Amino acid sequence: MNIAISIEHPAWIHQFHAIIKQLQHEGHNVLVLSIKKDVSIELLQKFDITYTLIAKSTGKNILEKTWLFIYTALKYYLASKKFKADIFIGRASPMLAIASFLQHKPHVIFEDTEHAIIGLFFCKLLSNSILTNSSFRKNLGKKQVLVESYKELFYLHPEQFVPDAAVLSEIGLEPDQPYFVIRFVAWQADHDFGHKGLTMDTKRLVINELKKYGRVLITSEKPLTAEFEEYRISLAPEKIHHLLYFASFLYGESSTMATEAAVLGTQAIFCDFTGRGYTDELEQKYDLVYNFKLDKDSQQKSVAKAIELAKKSNLKAIGKKNVLNFFRKR
């Protein structure tokens, strides 16, 4: 069978790289269509995945995004037509949905972002099946299939992932040394349009407070200001999950990294304008994620929560205990 899949974000590579390898091992042909974003190309190369580069940008404004939407949809169609794809799989990519529909081929996706309005609009119209977390806040109709899983479990389930403490020595950390991972995003995704993340004041405050209790490490989709450069993580992107496993906790703007930390037994503070159904579930049922909005008061509360967690000497043990409860209930 010929299978086409699009990669439009580094998180998609983590989600699908094992599936791609398994499909190839079973004798299927897989066409990977990639858009360059952040470290996506580096990850594809690290996982030894052959890919076709479709575009070198996701667009920075509405005009660029509109042009790239049309361009990418056309390139997806032409490449998959030449490949003679039998089925299309992936996330809620409207461009891949269009390419599959025009070829009268099935399109099956897994999506967990309720406010991915453009992608979900096209996929509801053109796709065949839309798999979502059971905690998904929206009813997508008859095409929706609820599953008791998160995309992060595709690659971080204990049967798939084994933490390696040796990674810590690469950035000068000791196994028992307290440290905090901070994640900033670019806010350039289609579903982030018109929104901004944490203010500079909040970023500065949380860094200055947390460094009183341990080392601060920042991973960012966008360039950092000079004052934050000393905290940038200098680690290969495919090793970030080992760093998350041994961290005291994660603080940041990424729902994916918050959930990655959570399923590894590392508590996370997630700041976003709308949140996600699955991060709500991880807070309400398992005490693994703490969700905050982005208004001034909520940002202040998120920093206060970070300080509260940093003061707990048994925080790591609590997180690992909570994640055991998570897996027992699934």
C-alpha atoms as a PDB file:
ATOM      1  CA  MET A   1       0.000   0.000   0.000  1.00  0.00           C
ATOM      2  CA  ASN A   2       1.172   3.529  -0.751  1.00  0.00           C
ATOM      3  CA  ILE A   3       0.668   5.843   2.244  1.00  0.00           C
ATOM      4  CA  ALA A   4       1.110   9.626   2.245  1.00  0.00           C
ATOM      5  CA  ILE A   5       1.669  11.626   5.420  1.00  0.00           C
ATOM      6  CA  SER A   6       2.404  15.301   5.976  1.00  0.00           C
ATOM      7  CA  ILE A   7       4.793  16.711   8.565  1.00  0.00           C
ATOM      8  CA  GLU A   8       4.059  20.361   9.332  1.00  0.00           C
ATOM      9  CA  HIS A   9       5.410  20.654  12.880  1.00  0.00           C
ATOM     10  CA  PRO A  10       8.240  18.942  14.834  1.00  0.00           C
ATOM     11  CA  ALA A  11       5.669  17.373  17.190  1.00  0.00           C
ATOM     12  CA  TRP A  12       4.182  15.516  14.235  1.00  0.00           C
ATOM     13  CA  ILE A  13       7.526  13.811  13.644  1.00  0.00           C
ATOM     14  CA  HIS A  14       7.638  12.530  17.198  1.00  0.00           C
ATOM     15  CA  GLN A  15       4.050  11.343  16.866  1.00  0.00           C
ATOM     16  CA  PHE A  16       4.466   9.481  13.595  1.00  0.00           C
ATOM     17  CA  HIS A  17       8.091   8.428  13.250  1.00  0.00           C
ATOM     18  CA  ALA A  18       7.528   5.016  14.860  1.00  0.00           C
ATOM     19  CA  ILE A  19       4.404   4.457  12.752  1.00  0.00           C
ATOM     20  CA  ILE A  20       6.329   5.361   9.587  1.00  0.00           C
ATOM     21  CA  LYS A  21       9.057   2.854  10.454  1.00  0.00           C
ATOM     22  CA  GLN A  22       6.508   0.161  11.312  1.00  0.00           C
ATOM     23  CA  LEU A  23       4.606   0.657   8.059  1.00  0.00           C
ATOM     24  CA  GLN A  24       7.830   0.473   6.068  1.00  0.00           C
ATOM     25  CA  HIS A  25       8.893  -2.646   7.984  1.00  0.00           C
ATOM     26  CA  GLU A  26       5.580  -4.260   7.016  1.00  0.00           C
ATOM     27  CA  GLY A  27       6.299  -3.601   3.355  1.00  0.00           C
ATOM     28  CA  HIS A  28       4.284  -0.435   2.739  1.00  0.00           C
ATOM     29  CA  ASN A  29       5.600   2.552   0.814  1.00  0.00           C
ATOM     30  CA  VAL A  30       5.424   5.818   2.769  1.00  0.00           C
ATOM     31  CA  LEU A  31       5.655   9.282   1.238  1.00  0.00           C
ATOM     32  CA  VAL A  32       6.577  11.908   3.842  1.00  0.00           C
ATOM     33  CA  LEU A  33       5.743  15.455   2.762  1.00  0.00           C
ATOM     34  CA  SER A  34       7.420  18.031   4.984  1.00  0.00           C
ATOM     35  CA  ILE A  35       7.167  21.735   5.696  1.00  0.00           C
ATOM     36  CA  LYS A  36      10.209  23.204   7.430  1.00  0.00           C
ATOM     37  CA  LYS A  37       9.320  24.548  10.894  1.00  0.00           C
ATOM     38  CA  ASP A  38      11.682  25.001  13.823  1.00  0.00           C
ATOM     39  CA  VAL A  39      13.721  21.740  14.062  1.00  0.00           C
ATOM     40  CA  SER A  40      11.493  19.587  11.848  1.00  0.00           C
ATOM     41  CA  ILE A  41      14.134  18.843   9.210  1.00  0.00           C
ATOM     42  CA  GLU A  42      16.767  18.047  11.832  1.00  0.00           C
ATOM     43  CA  LEU A  43      14.408  15.569  13.480  1.00  0.00           C
ATOM     44  CA  LEU A  44      13.503  13.863  10.210  1.00  0.00           C
ATOM     45  CA  GLN A  45      17.189  13.409   9.528  1.00  0.00           C
ATOM     46  CA  LYS A  46      17.916  12.183  13.057  1.00  0.00           C
ATOM     47  CA  PHE A  47      15.166   9.553  12.742  1.00  0.00           C
ATOM     48  CA  ASP A  48      16.517   8.614   9.298  1.00  0.00           C
ATOM     49  CA  ILE A  49      13.209   9.361   7.573  1.00  0.00           C
ATOM     50  CA  THR A  50      13.299  10.064   3.858  1.00  0.00           C
ATOM     51  CA  TYR A  51      11.153  13.100   3.081  1.00  0.00           C
ATOM     52  CA  THR A  52      10.124  15.465   0.322  1.00  0.00           C
ATOM     53  CA  LEU A  53      10.526  19.117   1.289  1.00  0.00           C
ATOM     54  CA  ILE A  54       7.422  20.992   0.147  1.00  0.00           C
ATOM     55  CA  ALA A  55       7.899  24.434   1.692  1.00  0.00           C
ATOM     56  CA  LYS A  56      10.535  26.186   3.770  1.00  0.00           C
ATOM     57  CA  SER A  57       8.135  28.259   5.849  1.00  0.00           C
ATOM     58  CA  THR A  58       4.686  28.157   7.440  1.00  0.00           C
ATOM     59  CA  GLY A  59       4.152  31.890   6.808  1.00  0.00           C
ATOM     60  CA  LYS A  60       4.357  34.837   9.199  1.00  0.00           C
ATOM     61  CA  ASN A  61       1.263  36.822   8.247  1.00  0.00           C
ATOM     62  CA  ILE A  62      -2.129  36.295   6.650  1.00  0.00           C
ATOM     63  CA  LEU A  63      -0.899  36.950   3.104  1.00  0.00           C
ATOM     64  CA  GLU A  64       2.062  34.585   3.414  1.00  0.00           C
ATOM     65  CA  LYS A  65      -0.117  31.926   5.041  1.00  0.00           C
ATOM     66  CA  THR A  66      -2.757  32.200   2.306  1.00  0.00           C
ATOM     67  CA  TRP A  67      -0.160  31.872  -0.443  1.00  0.00           C
ATOM     68  CA  LEU A  68       1.544  28.944   1.287  1.00  0.00           C
ATOM     69  CA  PHE A  69      -1.829  27.263   1.843  1.00  0.00           C
ATOM     70  CA  ILE A  70      -2.537  27.274  -1.898  1.00  0.00           C
ATOM     71  CA  TYR A  71       1.046  26.418  -2.857  1.00  0.00           C
ATOM     72  CA  THR A  72       1.313  23.568  -0.341  1.00  0.00           C
ATOM     73  CA  ALA A  73      -2.072  22.065  -1.268  1.00  0.00           C
ATOM     74  CA  LEU A  74      -1.009  22.007  -4.925  1.00  0.00           C
ATOM     75  CA  LYS A  75       2.396  20.495  -4.137  1.00  0.00           C
ATOM     76  CA  TYR A  76       0.802  17.871  -1.883  1.00  0.00           C
ATOM     77  CA  TYR A  77      -1.617  16.968  -4.649  1.00  0.00           C
ATOM     78  CA  LEU A  78       1.044  16.685  -7.352  1.00  0.00           C
ATOM     79  CA  ALA A  79       3.507  14.727  -5.196  1.00  0.00           C
ATOM     80  CA  SER A  80       0.898  12.266  -3.855  1.00  0.00           C
ATOM     81  CA  LYS A  81      -0.656  11.879  -7.329  1.00  0.00           C
ATOM     82  CA  LYS A  82       2.725  10.905  -8.751  1.00  0.00           C
ATOM     83  CA  PHE A  83       3.264   8.570  -5.776  1.00  0.00           C
ATOM     84  CA  LYS A  84      -0.172   6.995  -6.415  1.00  0.00           C
ATOM     85  CA  ALA A  85      -1.153   7.222  -2.754  1.00  0.00           C
ATOM     86  CA  ASP A  86      -3.800   4.768  -1.578  1.00  0.00           C
ATOM     87  CA  ILE A  87      -4.460   6.493   1.763  1.00  0.00           C
ATOM     88  CA  PHE A  88      -3.502   9.701   3.558  1.00  0.00           C
ATOM     89  CA  ILE A  89      -2.850   9.836   7.309  1.00  0.00           C
ATOM     90  CA  GLY A  90      -1.707  12.473   9.774  1.00  0.00           C
ATOM     91  CA  ARG A  91      -3.030  15.505  11.615  1.00  0.00           C
ATOM     92  CA  ALA A  92      -5.710  18.045  10.648  1.00  0.00           C
ATOM     93  CA  SER A  93      -3.862  19.382   7.629  1.00  0.00           C
ATOM     94  CA  PRO A  94      -6.344  21.099   5.301  1.00  0.00           C
ATOM     95  CA  MET A  95      -3.839  20.888   2.449  1.00  0.00           C
ATOM     96  CA  LEU A  96      -3.520  17.112   2.762  1.00  0.00           C
ATOM     97  CA  ALA A  97      -7.294  16.804   3.149  1.00  0.00           C
ATOM     98  CA  ILE A  98      -7.733  18.643  -0.166  1.00  0.00           C
ATOM     99  CA  ALA A  99      -5.131  16.477  -1.900  1.00  0.00           C
ATOM    100  CA  SER A 100      -6.797  13.267  -0.719  1.00  0.00           C
ATOM    101  CA  PHE A 101     -10.297  14.466  -1.614  1.00  0.00           C
ATOM    102  CA  LEU A 102      -9.293  15.428  -5.147  1.00  0.00           C
ATOM    103  CA  GLN A 103      -7.924  11.917  -5.644  1.00  0.00           C
ATOM    104  CA  HIS A 104     -10.933  10.207  -4.031  1.00  0.00           C
ATOM    105  CA  LYS A 105      -8.688   8.537  -1.457  1.00  0.00           C
ATOM    106  CA  PRO A 106      -9.348   8.108   2.294  1.00  0.00           C
ATOM    107  CA  HIS A 107      -7.882  10.576   4.756  1.00  0.00           C
ATOM    108  CA  VAL A 108      -7.569   9.525   8.423  1.00  0.00           C
ATOM    109  CA  ILE A 109      -6.329  11.956  11.057  1.00  0.00           C
ATOM    110  CA  PHE A 110      -5.626  12.268  14.774  1.00  0.00           C
ATOM    111  CA  GLU A 111      -6.305  15.739  16.187  1.00  0.00           C
ATOM    112  CA  ASP A 112      -6.241  17.128  19.728  1.00  0.00           C
ATOM    113  CA  THR A 113      -6.436  20.906  19.230  1.00  0.00           C
ATOM    114  CA  GLU A 114     -10.001  22.139  19.511  1.00  0.00           C
ATOM    115  CA  HIS A 115      -9.262  25.600  18.134  1.00  0.00           C
ATOM    116  CA  ALA A 116      -7.514  24.335  14.977  1.00  0.00           C
ATOM    117  CA  ILE A 117     -10.483  25.899  13.211  1.00  0.00           C
ATOM    118  CA  ILE A 118      -9.195  25.933   9.634  1.00  0.00           C
ATOM    119  CA  GLY A 119      -7.815  22.400   9.721  1.00  0.00           C
ATOM    120  CA  LEU A 120     -10.900  20.940  11.368  1.00  0.00           C
ATOM    121  CA  PHE A 121     -13.231  22.795   8.983  1.00  0.00           C
ATOM    122  CA  PHE A 122     -11.626  21.192   5.938  1.00  0.00           C
ATOM    123  CA  CYS A 123     -11.221  17.798   7.586  1.00  0.00           C
ATOM    124  CA  LYS A 124     -14.874  17.687   8.662  1.00  0.00           C
ATOM    125  CA  LEU A 125     -15.794  18.300   5.023  1.00  0.00           C
ATOM    126  CA  LEU A 126     -13.195  16.193   3.242  1.00  0.00           C
ATOM    127  CA  SER A 127     -11.663  13.584   5.573  1.00  0.00           C
ATOM    128  CA  ASN A 128     -13.028  10.131   6.339  1.00  0.00           C
ATOM    129  CA  SER A 129     -12.195   9.664  10.019  1.00  0.00           C
ATOM    130  CA  ILE A 130     -11.154  12.142  12.705  1.00  0.00           C
ATOM    131  CA  LEU A 131      -9.665  10.501  15.795  1.00  0.00           C
ATOM    132  CA  THR A 132      -9.610  12.704  18.890  1.00  0.00           C
ATOM    133  CA  ASN A 133      -8.855  12.352  22.593  1.00  0.00           C
ATOM    134  CA  SER A 134     -11.889  11.283  24.609  1.00  0.00           C
ATOM    135  CA  SER A 135     -11.461  14.603  26.469  1.00  0.00           C
ATOM    136  CA  PHE A 136     -11.870  16.621  23.243  1.00  0.00           C
ATOM    137  CA  ARG A 137     -14.202  19.542  23.918  1.00  0.00           C
ATOM    138  CA  LYS A 138     -15.934  19.623  20.528  1.00  0.00           C
ATOM    139  CA  ASN A 139     -18.430  17.317  18.843  1.00  0.00           C
ATOM    140  CA  LEU A 140     -17.186  16.896  15.274  1.00  0.00           C
ATOM    141  CA  GLY A 141     -20.076  14.759  14.107  1.00  0.00           C
ATOM    142  CA  LYS A 142     -20.238  11.260  12.687  1.00  0.00           C
ATOM    143  CA  LYS A 143     -16.643  11.256  11.439  1.00  0.00           C
ATOM    144  CA  GLN A 144     -15.250  11.705  14.954  1.00  0.00           C
ATOM    145  CA  VAL A 145     -13.854   8.676  16.783  1.00  0.00           C
ATOM    146  CA  LEU A 146     -13.019   9.145  20.475  1.00  0.00           C
ATOM    147  CA  VAL A 147      -9.935   7.283  21.715  1.00  0.00           C
ATOM    148  CA  GLU A 148      -8.504   6.889  25.210  1.00  0.00           C
ATOM    149  CA  SER A 149      -5.085   8.185  24.296  1.00  0.00           C
ATOM    150  CA  TYR A 150      -2.918  11.237  23.736  1.00  0.00           C
ATOM    151  CA  LYS A 151      -0.642  11.754  20.749  1.00  0.00           C
ATOM    152  CA  GLU A 152       2.274  11.925  23.202  1.00  0.00           C
ATOM    153  CA  LEU A 153       1.721   8.269  24.083  1.00  0.00           C
ATOM    154  CA  PHE A 154       2.535   7.337  20.482  1.00  0.00           C
ATOM    155  CA  TYR A 155       6.190   7.831  21.397  1.00  0.00           C
ATOM    156  CA  LEU A 156       6.450   8.284  25.187  1.00  0.00           C
ATOM    157  CA  HIS A 157       4.510   5.289  26.452  1.00  0.00           C
ATOM    158  CA  PRO A 158       6.758   3.249  28.792  1.00  0.00           C
ATOM    159  CA  GLU A 159       6.815   0.485  26.170  1.00  0.00           C
ATOM    160  CA  GLN A 160       8.238   2.964  23.655  1.00  0.00           C
ATOM    161  CA  PHE A 161      10.488   5.248  25.694  1.00  0.00           C
ATOM    162  CA  VAL A 162      13.332   4.502  28.112  1.00  0.00           C
ATOM    163  CA  PRO A 163      14.816   7.572  29.854  1.00  0.00           C
ATOM    164  CA  ASP A 164      18.580   7.986  29.653  1.00  0.00           C
ATOM    165  CA  ALA A 165      20.226   9.928  32.478  1.00  0.00           C
ATOM    166  CA  ALA A 166      23.449  10.143  30.445  1.00  0.00           C
ATOM    167  CA  VAL A 167      21.834  12.952  28.450  1.00  0.00           C
ATOM    168  CA  LEU A 168      22.070  15.204  31.510  1.00  0.00           C
ATOM    169  CA  SER A 169      25.869  15.162  31.493  1.00  0.00           C
ATOM    170  CA  GLU A 170      25.838  16.603  27.961  1.00  0.00           C
ATOM    171  CA  ILE A 171      24.654  19.930  29.380  1.00  0.00           C
ATOM    172  CA  GLY A 172      26.497  19.753  32.681  1.00  0.00           C
ATOM    173  CA  LEU A 173      23.696  18.438  34.894  1.00  0.00           C
ATOM    174  CA  GLU A 174      23.862  15.895  37.696  1.00  0.00           C
ATOM    175  CA  PRO A 175      21.070  13.262  38.019  1.00  0.00           C
ATOM    176  CA  ASP A 176      19.779  14.705  41.324  1.00  0.00           C
ATOM    177  CA  GLN A 177      20.302  18.363  40.434  1.00  0.00           C
ATOM    178  CA  PRO A 178      17.070  20.414  40.426  1.00  0.00           C
ATOM    179  CA  TYR A 179      16.356  22.124  37.117  1.00  0.00           C
ATOM    180  CA  PHE A 180      13.372  23.619  35.342  1.00  0.00           C
ATOM    181  CA  VAL A 181      12.562  23.488  31.632  1.00  0.00           C
ATOM    182  CA  ILE A 182      10.862  26.563  30.199  1.00  0.00           C
ATOM    183  CA  ARG A 183       9.195  26.426  26.771  1.00  0.00           C
ATOM    184  CA  PHE A 184       8.312  29.415  24.603  1.00  0.00           C
ATOM    185  CA  VAL A 185       6.437  29.042  21.308  1.00  0.00           C
ATOM    186  CA  ALA A 186       6.421  31.231  18.194  1.00  0.00           C
ATOM    187  CA  TRP A 187       2.652  31.897  18.126  1.00  0.00           C
ATOM    188  CA  GLN A 188       2.657  31.601  14.318  1.00  0.00           C
ATOM    189  CA  ALA A 189       0.436  28.527  13.900  1.00  0.00           C
ATOM    190  CA  ASP A 190      -2.872  29.064  12.119  1.00  0.00           C
ATOM    191  CA  HIS A 191      -4.782  28.368  15.328  1.00  0.00           C
ATOM    192  CA  ASP A 192      -2.671  30.959  17.216  1.00  0.00           C
ATOM    193  CA  PHE A 193      -3.402  33.796  14.797  1.00  0.00           C
ATOM    194  CA  GLY A 194      -4.112  37.067  16.604  1.00  0.00           C
ATOM    195  CA  HIS A 195      -2.828  35.830  19.956  1.00  0.00           C
ATOM    196  CA  LYS A 196       0.351  36.501  21.902  1.00  0.00           C
ATOM    197  CA  GLY A 197       1.968  34.499  24.634  1.00  0.00           C
ATOM    198  CA  LEU A 198       3.566  35.334  27.956  1.00  0.00           C
ATOM    199  CA  THR A 199       4.731  38.909  28.394  1.00  0.00           C
ATOM    200  CA  MET A 200       8.404  39.747  28.706  1.00  0.00           C
ATOM    201  CA  ASP A 201       7.762  40.775  32.302  1.00  0.00           C
ATOM    202  CA  THR A 202       6.316  37.351  33.105  1.00  0.00           C
ATOM    203  CA  LYS A 203       9.156  35.535  31.359  1.00  0.00           C
ATOM    204  CA  ARG A 204      11.723  37.595  33.208  1.00  0.00           C
ATOM    205  CA  LEU A 205       9.961  37.104  36.526  1.00  0.00           C
ATOM    206  CA  VAL A 206       9.582  33.331  36.295  1.00  0.00           C
ATOM    207  CA  ILE A 207      13.214  32.892  35.245  1.00  0.00           C
ATOM    208  CA  ASN A 208      14.525  35.075  38.067  1.00  0.00           C
ATOM    209  CA  GLU A 209      12.362  33.279  40.626  1.00  0.00           C
ATOM    210  CA  LEU A 210      13.114  29.742  39.491  1.00  0.00           C
ATOM    211  CA  LYS A 211      16.867  30.193  39.318  1.00  0.00           C
ATOM    212  CA  LYS A 212      16.778  30.640  43.104  1.00  0.00           C
ATOM    213  CA  TYR A 213      15.824  26.956  43.382  1.00  0.00           C
ATOM    214  CA  GLY A 214      17.747  25.309  40.562  1.00  0.00           C
ATOM    215  CA  ARG A 215      19.050  25.655  37.049  1.00  0.00           C
ATOM    216  CA  VAL A 216      16.791  27.211  34.400  1.00  0.00           C
ATOM    217  CA  LEU A 217      16.830  25.804  30.859  1.00  0.00           C
ATOM    218  CA  ILE A 218      14.897  27.408  27.989  1.00  0.00           C
ATOM    219  CA  THR A 219      13.745  25.837  24.735  1.00  0.00           C
ATOM    220  CA  SER A 220      12.177  28.284  22.299  1.00  0.00           C
ATOM    221  CA  GLU A 221      10.672  28.195  18.800  1.00  0.00           C
ATOM    222  CA  LYS A 222      11.645  31.808  18.239  1.00  0.00           C
ATOM    223  CA  PRO A 223      14.901  33.726  18.848  1.00  0.00           C
ATOM    224  CA  LEU A 224      15.557  34.675  22.447  1.00  0.00           C
ATOM    225  CA  THR A 225      16.434  38.154  23.619  1.00  0.00           C
ATOM    226  CA  ALA A 226      20.037  38.629  24.719  1.00  0.00           C
ATOM    227  CA  GLU A 227      19.155  38.513  28.419  1.00  0.00           C
ATOM    228  CA  PHE A 228      17.718  34.987  28.064  1.00  0.00           C
ATOM    229  CA  GLU A 229      20.422  33.485  25.819  1.00  0.00           C
ATOM    230  CA  GLU A 230      22.440  32.097  28.721  1.00  0.00           C
ATOM    231  CA  TYR A 231      19.531  29.800  29.578  1.00  0.00           C
ATOM    232  CA  ARG A 232      19.066  28.311  26.100  1.00  0.00           C
ATOM    233  CA  ILE A 233      19.277  24.514  25.984  1.00  0.00           C
ATOM    234  CA  SER A 234      22.151  23.276  23.824  1.00  0.00           C
ATOM    235  CA  LEU A 235      20.885  19.740  23.308  1.00  0.00           C
ATOM    236  CA  ALA A 236      19.962  17.740  20.214  1.00  0.00           C
ATOM    237  CA  PRO A 237      16.180  18.048  19.693  1.00  0.00           C
ATOM    238  CA  GLU A 238      15.572  14.285  19.712  1.00  0.00           C
ATOM    239  CA  LYS A 239      16.956  14.134  23.282  1.00  0.00           C
ATOM    240  CA  ILE A 240      14.596  16.690  24.821  1.00  0.00           C
ATOM    241  CA  HIS A 241      12.283  14.035  26.298  1.00  0.00           C
ATOM    242  CA  HIS A 242      15.087  12.576  28.396  1.00  0.00           C
ATOM    243  CA  LEU A 243      15.639  16.069  29.773  1.00  0.00           C
ATOM    244  CA  LEU A 244      11.917  16.399  30.525  1.00  0.00           C
ATOM    245  CA  TYR A 245      11.830  13.063  32.362  1.00  0.00           C
ATOM    246  CA  PHE A 246      14.425  14.110  34.947  1.00  0.00           C
ATOM    247  CA  ALA A 247      13.327  17.765  35.257  1.00  0.00           C
ATOM    248  CA  SER A 248      11.752  19.205  38.399  1.00  0.00           C
ATOM    249  CA  PHE A 249       8.899  20.540  36.254  1.00  0.00           C
ATOM    250  CA  LEU A 250       8.087  22.288  32.978  1.00  0.00           C
ATOM    251  CA  TYR A 251       6.751  25.835  32.622  1.00  0.00           C
ATOM    252  CA  GLY A 252       5.635  27.211  29.295  1.00  0.00           C
ATOM    253  CA  GLU A 253       3.303  27.867  26.400  1.00  0.00           C
ATOM    254  CA  SER A 254       3.309  24.480  24.647  1.00  0.00           C
ATOM    255  CA  SER A 255       0.436  22.045  25.219  1.00  0.00           C
ATOM    256  CA  THR A 256       2.445  19.283  23.576  1.00  0.00           C
ATOM    257  CA  MET A 257       5.470  19.698  25.835  1.00  0.00           C
ATOM    258  CA  ALA A 258       3.248  20.053  28.905  1.00  0.00           C
ATOM    259  CA  THR A 259       1.625  16.723  28.062  1.00  0.00           C
ATOM    260  CA  GLU A 260       4.954  15.123  27.186  1.00  0.00           C
ATOM    261  CA  ALA A 261       6.218  16.083  30.627  1.00  0.00           C
ATOM    262  CA  ALA A 262       3.023  14.830  32.273  1.00  0.00           C
ATOM    263  CA  VAL A 263       3.081  11.350  30.712  1.00  0.00           C
ATOM    264  CA  LEU A 264       6.733  11.117  31.785  1.00  0.00           C
ATOM    265  CA  GLY A 265       5.741  11.867  35.372  1.00  0.00           C
ATOM    266  CA  THR A 266       7.037  15.449  35.383  1.00  0.00           C
ATOM    267  CA  GLN A 267       4.504  18.070  36.415  1.00  0.00           C
ATOM    268  CA  ALA A 268       3.884  20.986  34.060  1.00  0.00           C
ATOM    269  CA  ILE A 269       2.483  24.510  34.090  1.00  0.00           C
ATOM    270  CA  PHE A 270       0.745  25.321  30.806  1.00  0.00           C
ATOM    271  CA  CYS A 271      -0.131  28.917  29.831  1.00  0.00           C
ATOM    272  CA  ASP A 272      -2.464  29.480  26.883  1.00  0.00           C
ATOM    273  CA  PHE A 273      -5.372  31.682  25.801  1.00  0.00           C
ATOM    274  CA  THR A 274      -7.806  28.750  25.549  1.00  0.00           C
ATOM    275  CA  GLY A 275      -6.173  25.540  26.816  1.00  0.00           C
ATOM    276  CA  ARG A 276      -6.943  22.003  25.671  1.00  0.00           C
ATOM    277  CA  GLY A 277      -9.374  19.305  26.750  1.00  0.00           C
ATOM    278  CA  TYR A 278      -6.556  16.876  27.430  1.00  0.00           C
ATOM    279  CA  THR A 279      -4.513  19.278  29.574  1.00  0.00           C
ATOM    280  CA  ASP A 280      -7.688  19.963  31.579  1.00  0.00           C
ATOM    281  CA  GLU A 281      -8.040  16.214  32.068  1.00  0.00           C
ATOM    282  CA  LEU A 282      -4.412  15.897  33.169  1.00  0.00           C
ATOM    283  CA  GLU A 283      -5.036  18.540  35.813  1.00  0.00           C
ATOM    284  CA  GLN A 284      -8.467  17.480  37.047  1.00  0.00           C
ATOM    285  CA  LYS A 285      -7.900  13.717  37.142  1.00  0.00           C
ATOM    286  CA  TYR A 286      -4.179  13.272  37.635  1.00  0.00           C
ATOM    287  CA  ASP A 287      -2.663  16.474  39.106  1.00  0.00           C
ATOM    288  CA  LEU A 288       0.044  16.473  36.430  1.00  0.00           C
ATOM    289  CA  VAL A 289      -0.655  19.719  34.547  1.00  0.00           C
ATOM    290  CA  TYR A 290      -1.699  23.127  35.875  1.00  0.00           C
ATOM    291  CA  ASN A 291      -3.557  25.268  33.333  1.00  0.00           C
ATOM    292  CA  PHE A 292      -3.488  29.070  33.239  1.00  0.00           C
ATOM    293  CA  LYS A 293      -4.831  31.650  30.792  1.00  0.00           C
ATOM    294  CA  LEU A 294      -2.787  34.590  29.490  1.00  0.00           C
ATOM    295  CA  ASP A 295      -4.478  37.596  31.084  1.00  0.00           C
ATOM    296  CA  LYS A 296      -2.316  39.555  33.532  1.00  0.00           C
ATOM    297  CA  ASP A 297      -3.811  37.993  36.650  1.00  0.00           C
ATOM    298  CA  SER A 298      -3.502  34.441  35.319  1.00  0.00           C
ATOM    299  CA  GLN A 299       0.127  34.976  34.334  1.00  0.00           C
ATOM    300  CA  GLN A 300       0.896  36.167  37.858  1.00  0.00           C
ATOM    301  CA  LYS A 301      -0.851  33.094  39.258  1.00  0.00           C
ATOM    302  CA  SER A 302       1.173  30.835  36.975  1.00  0.00           C
ATOM    303  CA  VAL A 303       4.417  32.273  38.362  1.00  0.00           C
ATOM    304  CA  ALA A 304       3.145  31.859  41.907  1.00  0.00           C
ATOM    305  CA  LYS A 305       2.366  28.205  41.114  1.00  0.00           C
ATOM    306  CA  ALA A 306       5.864  27.751  39.711  1.00  0.00           C
ATOM    307  CA  ILE A 307       7.382  29.087  42.929  1.00  0.00           C
ATOM    308  CA  GLU A 308       5.107  26.845  44.986  1.00  0.00           C
ATOM    309  CA  LEU A 309       6.217  23.761  43.045  1.00  0.00           C
ATOM    310  CA  ALA A 310       9.891  24.746  43.120  1.00  0.00           C
ATOM    311  CA  LYS A 311       9.807  24.807  46.925  1.00  0.00           C
ATOM    312  CA  LYS A 312       8.617  21.183  47.181  1.00  0.00           C
ATOM    313  CA  SER A 313      11.492  18.853  47.958  1.00  0.00           C
ATOM    314  CA  ASN A 314       9.511  15.747  46.969  1.00  0.00           C
ATOM    315  CA  LEU A 315       8.054  17.126  43.742  1.00  0.00           C
ATOM    316  CA  LYS A 316       9.658  14.542  41.459  1.00  0.00           C
ATOM    317  CA  ALA A 317       8.396  11.666  43.590  1.00  0.00           C
ATOM    318  CA  ILE A 318       4.874  13.122  43.526  1.00  0.00           C
ATOM    319  CA  GLY A 319       4.948  13.382  39.735  1.00  0.00           C
ATOM    320  CA  LYS A 320       6.161   9.813  39.245  1.00  0.00           C
ATOM    321  CA  LYS A 321       3.466   8.561  41.656  1.00  0.00           C
ATOM    322  CA  ASN A 322       0.758  10.501  39.836  1.00  0.00           C
ATOM    323  CA  VAL A 323       1.779   9.152  36.434  1.00  0.00           C
ATOM    324  CA  LEU A 324       1.565   5.590  37.745  1.00  0.00           C
ATOM    325  CA  ASN A 325      -2.033   6.346  38.672  1.00  0.00           C
ATOM    326  CA  PHE A 326      -2.522   7.758  35.156  1.00  0.00           C
ATOM    327  CA  PHE A 327      -1.381   4.524  33.515  1.00  0.00           C
ATOM    328  CA  ARG A 328      -3.347   2.301  35.914  1.00  0.00           C
ATOM    329  CA  LYS A 329      -6.573   4.035  34.829  1.00  0.00           C
ATOM    330  CA  ARG A 330      -5.968   3.764  31.096  1.00  0.00           C
END
